């Protein structure tokens, strides 16, 4: 399905029924990155996933390389679907977007779940994002071999999952404008970390980290928890960065337990 949101035609997908749970995918992915958690999440919730600006089947619009714009995209999408409040769960880049949206629009968030993500990036990581944005500016053919190597490295802990996920990424980045935009938004977390603003988030929050994650290690989750009032961290053992693909049943159980708890994080 497509819906018009500001300067975008947003591709979105829906499963199940119940309280709305919005899933945001990571850099270079699309909504299909969440395919393995749906059997559990859709039993209890109206699960909604959309392709981020310039990813998958969503148009790039006029990207400005900022998390502020990507967070505003999220809120515009909720407006288009006439959803006043939702649970927000975001993976990696999606995790930074849900935090940005929860900072800027706390009244729209019931519960917050940043997964395998960071609130800041160091100089080395910022250079990594800058280099890939520059490759993407040169076109998909120039980006593809580097993105394939990056994807293979991310799935070193689960090599059997590589081929399916690489197919998703090839398709999602056929036009790499959205990938470059996401890289630039993440790169800005070096000079503009979310840390000083996390205290503005009002929703009960659970930060999920993966034990073997080399891209956003558990220490990144702990940094978020230390600055996000009332939050706690859940560690999923034995998983690398792509926890929603490597450990979908365990991740789903963590999400459902948190959403079912009364009051604050449990």
C-alpha atoms as a PDB file:
ATOM      1  CA  UNK A   1       0.000   0.000   0.000  1.00  0.00           C
ATOM      2  CA  UNK A   2       1.094   3.568  -0.641  1.00  0.00           C
ATOM      3  CA  UNK A   3       0.175   6.685   1.310  1.00  0.00           C
ATOM      4  CA  UNK A   4       1.207  10.289   0.652  1.00  0.00           C
ATOM      5  CA  UNK A   5       3.154  11.842   3.557  1.00  0.00           C
ATOM      6  CA  UNK A   6       4.540  15.342   2.990  1.00  0.00           C
ATOM      7  CA  UNK A   7       7.011  14.952   0.074  1.00  0.00           C
ATOM      8  CA  UNK A   8       6.909  11.141   0.082  1.00  0.00           C
ATOM      9  CA  UNK A   9       4.903   8.253  -1.286  1.00  0.00           C
ATOM     10  CA  UNK A  10       5.355   5.812   1.597  1.00  0.00           C
ATOM     11  CA  UNK A  11       5.066   2.058   1.075  1.00  0.00           C
ATOM     12  CA  UNK A  12       3.549   0.427   4.147  1.00  0.00           C
ATOM     13  CA  UNK A  13       2.302  -2.968   5.250  1.00  0.00           C
ATOM     14  CA  UNK A  14       0.057  -4.234   8.044  1.00  0.00           C
ATOM     15  CA  UNK A  15      -0.603  -7.517   9.867  1.00  0.00           C
ATOM     16  CA  UNK A  16      -2.707  -8.584  12.846  1.00  0.00           C
ATOM     17  CA  UNK A  17      -4.972  -6.585  15.125  1.00  0.00           C
ATOM     18  CA  UNK A  18      -4.781  -4.832  18.487  1.00  0.00           C
ATOM     19  CA  UNK A  19      -2.741  -1.894  19.721  1.00  0.00           C
ATOM     20  CA  UNK A  20      -0.589  -0.424  16.941  1.00  0.00           C
ATOM     21  CA  UNK A  21       3.071  -1.448  16.960  1.00  0.00           C
ATOM     22  CA  UNK A  22       5.193   0.384  14.385  1.00  0.00           C
ATOM     23  CA  UNK A  23       8.397  -1.336  13.186  1.00  0.00           C
ATOM     24  CA  UNK A  24      11.217   0.660  11.563  1.00  0.00           C
ATOM     25  CA  UNK A  25      13.945  -1.176   9.677  1.00  0.00           C
ATOM     26  CA  UNK A  26      17.646  -0.411   9.437  1.00  0.00           C
ATOM     27  CA  UNK A  27      19.960   1.139   6.858  1.00  0.00           C
ATOM     28  CA  UNK A  28      19.768  -0.424   3.353  1.00  0.00           C
ATOM     29  CA  UNK A  29      16.867  -2.685   4.396  1.00  0.00           C
ATOM     30  CA  UNK A  30      13.117  -2.407   3.893  1.00  0.00           C
ATOM     31  CA  UNK A  31      10.036  -3.657   5.773  1.00  0.00           C
ATOM     32  CA  UNK A  32      10.963  -7.272   4.964  1.00  0.00           C
ATOM     33  CA  UNK A  33      13.788  -7.136   7.495  1.00  0.00           C
ATOM     34  CA  UNK A  34      11.040  -7.786  10.087  1.00  0.00           C
ATOM     35  CA  UNK A  35       9.595 -10.806   8.268  1.00  0.00           C
ATOM     36  CA  UNK A  36      10.665 -13.355  10.875  1.00  0.00           C
ATOM     37  CA  UNK A  37       9.087 -11.668  13.924  1.00  0.00           C
ATOM     38  CA  UNK A  38       5.595 -11.368  12.424  1.00  0.00           C
ATOM     39  CA  UNK A  39       4.289 -14.830  13.421  1.00  0.00           C
ATOM     40  CA  UNK A  40       4.529 -13.814  17.075  1.00  0.00           C
ATOM     41  CA  UNK A  41       3.968 -10.053  17.078  1.00  0.00           C
ATOM     42  CA  UNK A  42       0.913 -10.098  14.816  1.00  0.00           C
ATOM     43  CA  UNK A  43      -0.983 -12.405  17.187  1.00  0.00           C
ATOM     44  CA  UNK A  44      -1.310  -9.641  19.782  1.00  0.00           C
ATOM     45  CA  UNK A  45      -0.820  -6.358  17.909  1.00  0.00           C
ATOM     46  CA  UNK A  46      -1.673  -4.408  14.822  1.00  0.00           C
ATOM     47  CA  UNK A  47       1.840  -4.561  13.385  1.00  0.00           C
ATOM     48  CA  UNK A  48       2.687  -1.849  10.865  1.00  0.00           C
ATOM     49  CA  UNK A  49       5.954  -1.518   8.958  1.00  0.00           C
ATOM     50  CA  UNK A  50       6.932   1.029   6.338  1.00  0.00           C
ATOM     51  CA  UNK A  51       9.895   1.540   4.049  1.00  0.00           C
ATOM     52  CA  UNK A  52      12.000   4.507   5.152  1.00  0.00           C
ATOM     53  CA  UNK A  53      12.592   7.518   2.915  1.00  0.00           C
ATOM     54  CA  UNK A  54      14.334   6.342  -0.248  1.00  0.00           C
ATOM     55  CA  UNK A  55      14.387   2.689   0.826  1.00  0.00           C
ATOM     56  CA  UNK A  56      12.448  -0.173  -0.736  1.00  0.00           C
ATOM     57  CA  UNK A  57       9.301   1.121  -2.420  1.00  0.00           C
ATOM     58  CA  UNK A  58       9.184   4.539  -0.690  1.00  0.00           C
ATOM     59  CA  UNK A  59      10.198   7.546  -2.772  1.00  0.00           C
ATOM     60  CA  UNK A  60      13.210   9.627  -1.653  1.00  0.00           C
ATOM     61  CA  UNK A  61      11.452  12.982  -1.786  1.00  0.00           C
ATOM     62  CA  UNK A  62      13.899  15.777  -0.966  1.00  0.00           C
ATOM     63  CA  UNK A  63      16.223  14.236   1.641  1.00  0.00           C
ATOM     64  CA  UNK A  64      18.275  16.467   3.929  1.00  0.00           C
ATOM     65  CA  UNK A  65      20.462  13.889   5.694  1.00  0.00           C
ATOM     66  CA  UNK A  66      18.971  14.457   9.143  1.00  0.00           C
ATOM     67  CA  UNK A  67      17.322  12.364  11.818  1.00  0.00           C
ATOM     68  CA  UNK A  68      14.941  15.271  12.407  1.00  0.00           C
ATOM     69  CA  UNK A  69      13.488  14.805   8.929  1.00  0.00           C
ATOM     70  CA  UNK A  70      13.279  11.011   9.317  1.00  0.00           C
ATOM     71  CA  UNK A  71      11.546  11.438  12.670  1.00  0.00           C
ATOM     72  CA  UNK A  72       9.102  13.892  11.151  1.00  0.00           C
ATOM     73  CA  UNK A  73       8.448  11.352   8.376  1.00  0.00           C
ATOM     74  CA  UNK A  74       7.413   8.879  11.082  1.00  0.00           C
ATOM     75  CA  UNK A  75       4.953  11.293  12.687  1.00  0.00           C
ATOM     76  CA  UNK A  76       3.530  12.282   9.288  1.00  0.00           C
ATOM     77  CA  UNK A  77       2.986   8.598   8.579  1.00  0.00           C
ATOM     78  CA  UNK A  78       1.070   8.183  11.872  1.00  0.00           C
ATOM     79  CA  UNK A  79      -1.011  11.214  10.914  1.00  0.00           C
ATOM     80  CA  UNK A  80      -1.786   9.740   7.497  1.00  0.00           C
ATOM     81  CA  UNK A  81      -3.018   6.522   9.115  1.00  0.00           C
ATOM     82  CA  UNK A  82      -4.943   8.536  11.754  1.00  0.00           C
ATOM     83  CA  UNK A  83      -3.014   6.895  14.601  1.00  0.00           C
ATOM     84  CA  UNK A  84      -2.723   9.179  17.616  1.00  0.00           C
ATOM     85  CA  UNK A  85      -0.292   7.016  19.606  1.00  0.00           C
ATOM     86  CA  UNK A  86       1.667   3.844  18.913  1.00  0.00           C
ATOM     87  CA  UNK A  87       4.362   1.616  20.299  1.00  0.00           C
ATOM     88  CA  UNK A  88       7.568   2.360  18.360  1.00  0.00           C
ATOM     89  CA  UNK A  89      10.230  -0.290  17.738  1.00  0.00           C
ATOM     90  CA  UNK A  90      13.218   0.552  15.571  1.00  0.00           C
ATOM     91  CA  UNK A  91      16.266  -1.469  14.542  1.00  0.00           C
ATOM     92  CA  UNK A  92      19.683   0.202  14.082  1.00  0.00           C
ATOM     93  CA  UNK A  93      18.989   3.334  11.953  1.00  0.00           C
ATOM     94  CA  UNK A  94      15.315   2.746  12.760  1.00  0.00           C
ATOM     95  CA  UNK A  95      16.210   2.825  16.453  1.00  0.00           C
ATOM     96  CA  UNK A  96      17.738   6.284  16.167  1.00  0.00           C
ATOM     97  CA  UNK A  97      14.634   7.443  14.269  1.00  0.00           C
ATOM     98  CA  UNK A  98      12.187   6.222  16.928  1.00  0.00           C
ATOM     99  CA  UNK A  99      14.281   7.920  19.618  1.00  0.00           C
ATOM    100  CA  UNK A 100      14.302  11.160  17.623  1.00  0.00           C
ATOM    101  CA  UNK A 101      10.530  10.977  17.162  1.00  0.00           C
ATOM    102  CA  UNK A 102      10.015  10.239  20.866  1.00  0.00           C
ATOM    103  CA  UNK A 103      12.165  13.265  21.784  1.00  0.00           C
ATOM    104  CA  UNK A 104      10.317  15.631  19.454  1.00  0.00           C
ATOM    105  CA  UNK A 105       6.804  14.186  19.826  1.00  0.00           C
ATOM    106  CA  UNK A 106       6.565  12.415  23.202  1.00  0.00           C
ATOM    107  CA  UNK A 107       2.774  12.553  23.118  1.00  0.00           C
ATOM    108  CA  UNK A 108       2.693  10.157  20.130  1.00  0.00           C
ATOM    109  CA  UNK A 109       4.574   7.274  21.763  1.00  0.00           C
ATOM    110  CA  UNK A 110       3.082   4.651  24.077  1.00  0.00           C
ATOM    111  CA  UNK A 111       6.185   2.494  24.532  1.00  0.00           C
ATOM    112  CA  UNK A 112       9.619   2.756  22.984  1.00  0.00           C
ATOM    113  CA  UNK A 113      11.930  -0.063  21.880  1.00  0.00           C
ATOM    114  CA  UNK A 114      15.270   0.944  20.333  1.00  0.00           C
ATOM    115  CA  UNK A 115      16.938  -2.283  19.101  1.00  0.00           C
ATOM    116  CA  UNK A 116      20.645  -2.765  18.305  1.00  0.00           C
ATOM    117  CA  UNK A 117      21.208   0.951  17.956  1.00  0.00           C
ATOM    118  CA  UNK A 118      23.208   3.920  19.244  1.00  0.00           C
ATOM    119  CA  UNK A 119      22.570   7.464  20.407  1.00  0.00           C
ATOM    120  CA  UNK A 120      25.987   8.653  19.197  1.00  0.00           C
ATOM    121  CA  UNK A 121      28.757   7.567  16.828  1.00  0.00           C
ATOM    122  CA  UNK A 122      32.510   7.975  17.145  1.00  0.00           C
ATOM    123  CA  UNK A 123      34.832   9.499  14.563  1.00  0.00           C
ATOM    124  CA  UNK A 124      35.673   6.134  12.986  1.00  0.00           C
ATOM    125  CA  UNK A 125      32.005   5.244  12.547  1.00  0.00           C
ATOM    126  CA  UNK A 126      31.240   8.717  11.197  1.00  0.00           C
ATOM    127  CA  UNK A 127      33.974   8.254   8.572  1.00  0.00           C
ATOM    128  CA  UNK A 128      32.496   4.847   7.695  1.00  0.00           C
ATOM    129  CA  UNK A 129      29.086   6.418   7.051  1.00  0.00           C
ATOM    130  CA  UNK A 130      30.612   9.319   5.103  1.00  0.00           C
ATOM    131  CA  UNK A 131      32.554   6.979   2.808  1.00  0.00           C
ATOM    132  CA  UNK A 132      29.462   4.893   2.038  1.00  0.00           C
ATOM    133  CA  UNK A 133      27.338   7.965   1.399  1.00  0.00           C
ATOM    134  CA  UNK A 134      29.932   9.135  -1.107  1.00  0.00           C
ATOM    135  CA  UNK A 135      29.919   5.722  -2.809  1.00  0.00           C
ATOM    136  CA  UNK A 136      26.120   5.813  -2.981  1.00  0.00           C
ATOM    137  CA  UNK A 137      26.297   9.253  -4.604  1.00  0.00           C
ATOM    138  CA  UNK A 138      28.214   7.585  -7.446  1.00  0.00           C
ATOM    139  CA  UNK A 139      25.406   5.105  -8.106  1.00  0.00           C
ATOM    140  CA  UNK A 140      24.212   1.625  -7.198  1.00  0.00           C
ATOM    141  CA  UNK A 141      26.903  -0.193  -9.197  1.00  0.00           C
ATOM    142  CA  UNK A 142      29.652   1.615  -7.324  1.00  0.00           C
ATOM    143  CA  UNK A 143      28.033   0.964  -3.949  1.00  0.00           C
ATOM    144  CA  UNK A 144      26.992  -2.663  -4.471  1.00  0.00           C
ATOM    145  CA  UNK A 145      30.289  -4.574  -3.877  1.00  0.00           C
ATOM    146  CA  UNK A 146      31.030  -2.628  -0.690  1.00  0.00           C
ATOM    147  CA  UNK A 147      27.476  -3.055   0.576  1.00  0.00           C
ATOM    148  CA  UNK A 148      27.665  -6.773  -0.153  1.00  0.00           C
ATOM    149  CA  UNK A 149      30.879  -7.060   1.879  1.00  0.00           C
ATOM    150  CA  UNK A 150      29.305  -5.060   4.717  1.00  0.00           C
ATOM    151  CA  UNK A 151      26.227  -7.287   4.690  1.00  0.00           C
ATOM    152  CA  UNK A 152      28.306 -10.465   4.692  1.00  0.00           C
ATOM    153  CA  UNK A 153      30.281  -9.144   7.676  1.00  0.00           C
ATOM    154  CA  UNK A 154      27.074  -8.311   9.566  1.00  0.00           C
ATOM    155  CA  UNK A 155      25.903 -11.894   9.060  1.00  0.00           C
ATOM    156  CA  UNK A 156      29.197 -13.528  10.049  1.00  0.00           C
ATOM    157  CA  UNK A 157      27.403 -14.971  13.064  1.00  0.00           C
ATOM    158  CA  UNK A 158      24.568 -16.369  10.893  1.00  0.00           C
ATOM    159  CA  UNK A 159      25.932 -16.964   7.369  1.00  0.00           C
ATOM    160  CA  UNK A 160      22.901 -19.018   6.324  1.00  0.00           C
ATOM    161  CA  UNK A 161      20.820 -15.825   6.510  1.00  0.00           C
ATOM    162  CA  UNK A 162      23.089 -13.821   4.203  1.00  0.00           C
ATOM    163  CA  UNK A 163      21.626 -14.666   0.782  1.00  0.00           C
ATOM    164  CA  UNK A 164      18.015 -13.783   1.622  1.00  0.00           C
ATOM    165  CA  UNK A 165      18.983 -10.541   3.309  1.00  0.00           C
ATOM    166  CA  UNK A 166      21.366  -9.554   0.539  1.00  0.00           C
ATOM    167  CA  UNK A 167      18.523  -9.977  -1.956  1.00  0.00           C
ATOM    168  CA  UNK A 168      16.426  -7.546   0.106  1.00  0.00           C
ATOM    169  CA  UNK A 169      19.272  -5.047   0.231  1.00  0.00           C
ATOM    170  CA  UNK A 170      20.001  -5.210  -3.495  1.00  0.00           C
ATOM    171  CA  UNK A 171      16.363  -4.445  -4.199  1.00  0.00           C
ATOM    172  CA  UNK A 172      16.016  -1.782  -1.506  1.00  0.00           C
ATOM    173  CA  UNK A 173      19.069   0.158  -2.726  1.00  0.00           C
ATOM    174  CA  UNK A 174      18.476  -0.020  -6.488  1.00  0.00           C
ATOM    175  CA  UNK A 175      18.261   3.753  -6.174  1.00  0.00           C
ATOM    176  CA  UNK A 176      20.819   4.452  -3.422  1.00  0.00           C
ATOM    177  CA  UNK A 177      19.649   8.003  -2.629  1.00  0.00           C
ATOM    178  CA  UNK A 178      17.853   6.820   0.509  1.00  0.00           C
ATOM    179  CA  UNK A 179      20.868   4.818   1.632  1.00  0.00           C
ATOM    180  CA  UNK A 180      23.109   7.877   1.276  1.00  0.00           C
ATOM    181  CA  UNK A 181      20.560   9.928   3.207  1.00  0.00           C
ATOM    182  CA  UNK A 182      20.468   7.396   6.049  1.00  0.00           C
ATOM    183  CA  UNK A 183      24.276   7.310   6.173  1.00  0.00           C
ATOM    184  CA  UNK A 184      24.426  11.085   6.481  1.00  0.00           C
ATOM    185  CA  UNK A 185      21.811  11.100   9.233  1.00  0.00           C
ATOM    186  CA  UNK A 186      23.842   8.549  11.208  1.00  0.00           C
ATOM    187  CA  UNK A 187      27.105  10.392  10.503  1.00  0.00           C
ATOM    188  CA  UNK A 188      25.666  13.506  12.156  1.00  0.00           C
ATOM    189  CA  UNK A 189      25.366  11.630  15.446  1.00  0.00           C
ATOM    190  CA  UNK A 190      29.078  12.293  15.879  1.00  0.00           C
ATOM    191  CA  UNK A 191      28.639  16.062  16.152  1.00  0.00           C
ATOM    192  CA  UNK A 192      24.978  15.960  17.212  1.00  0.00           C
ATOM    193  CA  UNK A 193      24.468  12.981  19.571  1.00  0.00           C
ATOM    194  CA  UNK A 194      21.017  12.282  20.946  1.00  0.00           C
ATOM    195  CA  UNK A 195      22.393  11.838  24.471  1.00  0.00           C
ATOM    196  CA  UNK A 196      21.611  15.344  25.829  1.00  0.00           C
ATOM    197  CA  UNK A 197      17.998  15.106  24.626  1.00  0.00           C
ATOM    198  CA  UNK A 198      17.069  11.585  25.725  1.00  0.00           C
ATOM    199  CA  UNK A 199      15.674  12.886  29.015  1.00  0.00           C
ATOM    200  CA  UNK A 200      12.837  14.467  27.008  1.00  0.00           C
ATOM    201  CA  UNK A 201      11.460  11.012  26.171  1.00  0.00           C
ATOM    202  CA  UNK A 202       8.433  10.259  28.350  1.00  0.00           C
ATOM    203  CA  UNK A 203       7.438   6.777  27.153  1.00  0.00           C
ATOM    204  CA  UNK A 204       8.407   3.647  29.107  1.00  0.00           C
ATOM    205  CA  UNK A 205      11.471   2.400  27.237  1.00  0.00           C
ATOM    206  CA  UNK A 206      13.320  -0.870  26.764  1.00  0.00           C
ATOM    207  CA  UNK A 207      16.662  -0.861  24.961  1.00  0.00           C
ATOM    208  CA  UNK A 208      17.486  -4.194  23.301  1.00  0.00           C
ATOM    209  CA  UNK A 209      21.105  -5.071  22.550  1.00  0.00           C
ATOM    210  CA  UNK A 210      22.734  -8.133  20.989  1.00  0.00           C
ATOM    211  CA  UNK A 211      25.637  -9.792  22.765  1.00  0.00           C
ATOM    212  CA  UNK A 212      27.872 -10.264  19.687  1.00  0.00           C
ATOM    213  CA  UNK A 213      26.942  -7.040  17.895  1.00  0.00           C
ATOM    214  CA  UNK A 214      30.087  -5.429  16.484  1.00  0.00           C
ATOM    215  CA  UNK A 215      28.233  -2.543  14.821  1.00  0.00           C
ATOM    216  CA  UNK A 216      26.194  -1.292  17.800  1.00  0.00           C
ATOM    217  CA  UNK A 217      27.694  -3.196  20.754  1.00  0.00           C
ATOM    218  CA  UNK A 218      25.931  -3.566  24.101  1.00  0.00           C
ATOM    219  CA  UNK A 219      27.880  -0.624  25.507  1.00  0.00           C
ATOM    220  CA  UNK A 220      25.958   1.600  23.075  1.00  0.00           C
ATOM    221  CA  UNK A 221      22.707   0.350  24.581  1.00  0.00           C
ATOM    222  CA  UNK A 222      24.009   0.971  28.078  1.00  0.00           C
ATOM    223  CA  UNK A 223      24.848   4.573  27.170  1.00  0.00           C
ATOM    224  CA  UNK A 224      21.241   5.088  26.094  1.00  0.00           C
ATOM    225  CA  UNK A 225      19.876   3.516  29.281  1.00  0.00           C
ATOM    226  CA  UNK A 226      22.054   5.731  31.475  1.00  0.00           C
ATOM    227  CA  UNK A 227      20.547   8.843  29.882  1.00  0.00           C
ATOM    228  CA  UNK A 228      16.962   7.749  29.268  1.00  0.00           C
ATOM    229  CA  UNK A 229      14.958   8.093  32.510  1.00  0.00           C
ATOM    230  CA  UNK A 230      13.482   4.831  33.757  1.00  0.00           C
ATOM    231  CA  UNK A 231      14.766   2.734  30.860  1.00  0.00           C
ATOM    232  CA  UNK A 232      16.457  -0.619  31.172  1.00  0.00           C
ATOM    233  CA  UNK A 233      18.377  -2.861  28.780  1.00  0.00           C
ATOM    234  CA  UNK A 234      17.684  -6.424  27.647  1.00  0.00           C
ATOM    235  CA  UNK A 235      20.632  -8.378  26.236  1.00  0.00           C
ATOM    236  CA  UNK A 236      19.980 -11.120  23.689  1.00  0.00           C
ATOM    237  CA  UNK A 237      22.805 -13.616  23.911  1.00  0.00           C
ATOM    238  CA  UNK A 238      24.442 -15.311  20.948  1.00  0.00           C
ATOM    239  CA  UNK A 239      23.256 -12.793  18.374  1.00  0.00           C
ATOM    240  CA  UNK A 240      25.133 -10.440  16.110  1.00  0.00           C
ATOM    241  CA  UNK A 241      23.819  -7.102  14.880  1.00  0.00           C
ATOM    242  CA  UNK A 242      20.923  -8.444  12.799  1.00  0.00           C
ATOM    243  CA  UNK A 243      19.037  -9.682  15.843  1.00  0.00           C
ATOM    244  CA  UNK A 244      15.610  -9.458  14.192  1.00  0.00           C
ATOM    245  CA  UNK A 245      16.792 -12.047  11.647  1.00  0.00           C
ATOM    246  CA  UNK A 246      19.160 -14.116  13.806  1.00  0.00           C
ATOM    247  CA  UNK A 247      16.969 -14.409  16.922  1.00  0.00           C
ATOM    248  CA  UNK A 248      13.407 -13.496  15.870  1.00  0.00           C
ATOM    249  CA  UNK A 249      11.592 -15.658  18.403  1.00  0.00           C
ATOM    250  CA  UNK A 250      13.659 -14.402  21.333  1.00  0.00           C
ATOM    251  CA  UNK A 251      13.393 -10.793  20.197  1.00  0.00           C
ATOM    252  CA  UNK A 252       9.626 -11.177  19.770  1.00  0.00           C
ATOM    253  CA  UNK A 253       9.316 -12.605  23.272  1.00  0.00           C
ATOM    254  CA  UNK A 254      11.239  -9.642  24.711  1.00  0.00           C
ATOM    255  CA  UNK A 255       9.041  -7.162  22.815  1.00  0.00           C
ATOM    256  CA  UNK A 256       5.764  -8.839  23.773  1.00  0.00           C
ATOM    257  CA  UNK A 257       6.712  -9.175  27.436  1.00  0.00           C
ATOM    258  CA  UNK A 258       7.583  -5.482  27.595  1.00  0.00           C
ATOM    259  CA  UNK A 259       4.418  -4.361  25.834  1.00  0.00           C
ATOM    260  CA  UNK A 260       2.252  -6.556  28.082  1.00  0.00           C
ATOM    261  CA  UNK A 261       3.765  -5.207  31.322  1.00  0.00           C
ATOM    262  CA  UNK A 262       1.777  -2.644  33.277  1.00  0.00           C
ATOM    263  CA  UNK A 263       3.379   0.653  34.302  1.00  0.00           C
ATOM    264  CA  UNK A 264       7.069   1.139  33.555  1.00  0.00           C
ATOM    265  CA  UNK A 265       9.655  -1.292  32.201  1.00  0.00           C
ATOM    266  CA  UNK A 266       9.408  -4.763  33.724  1.00  0.00           C
END
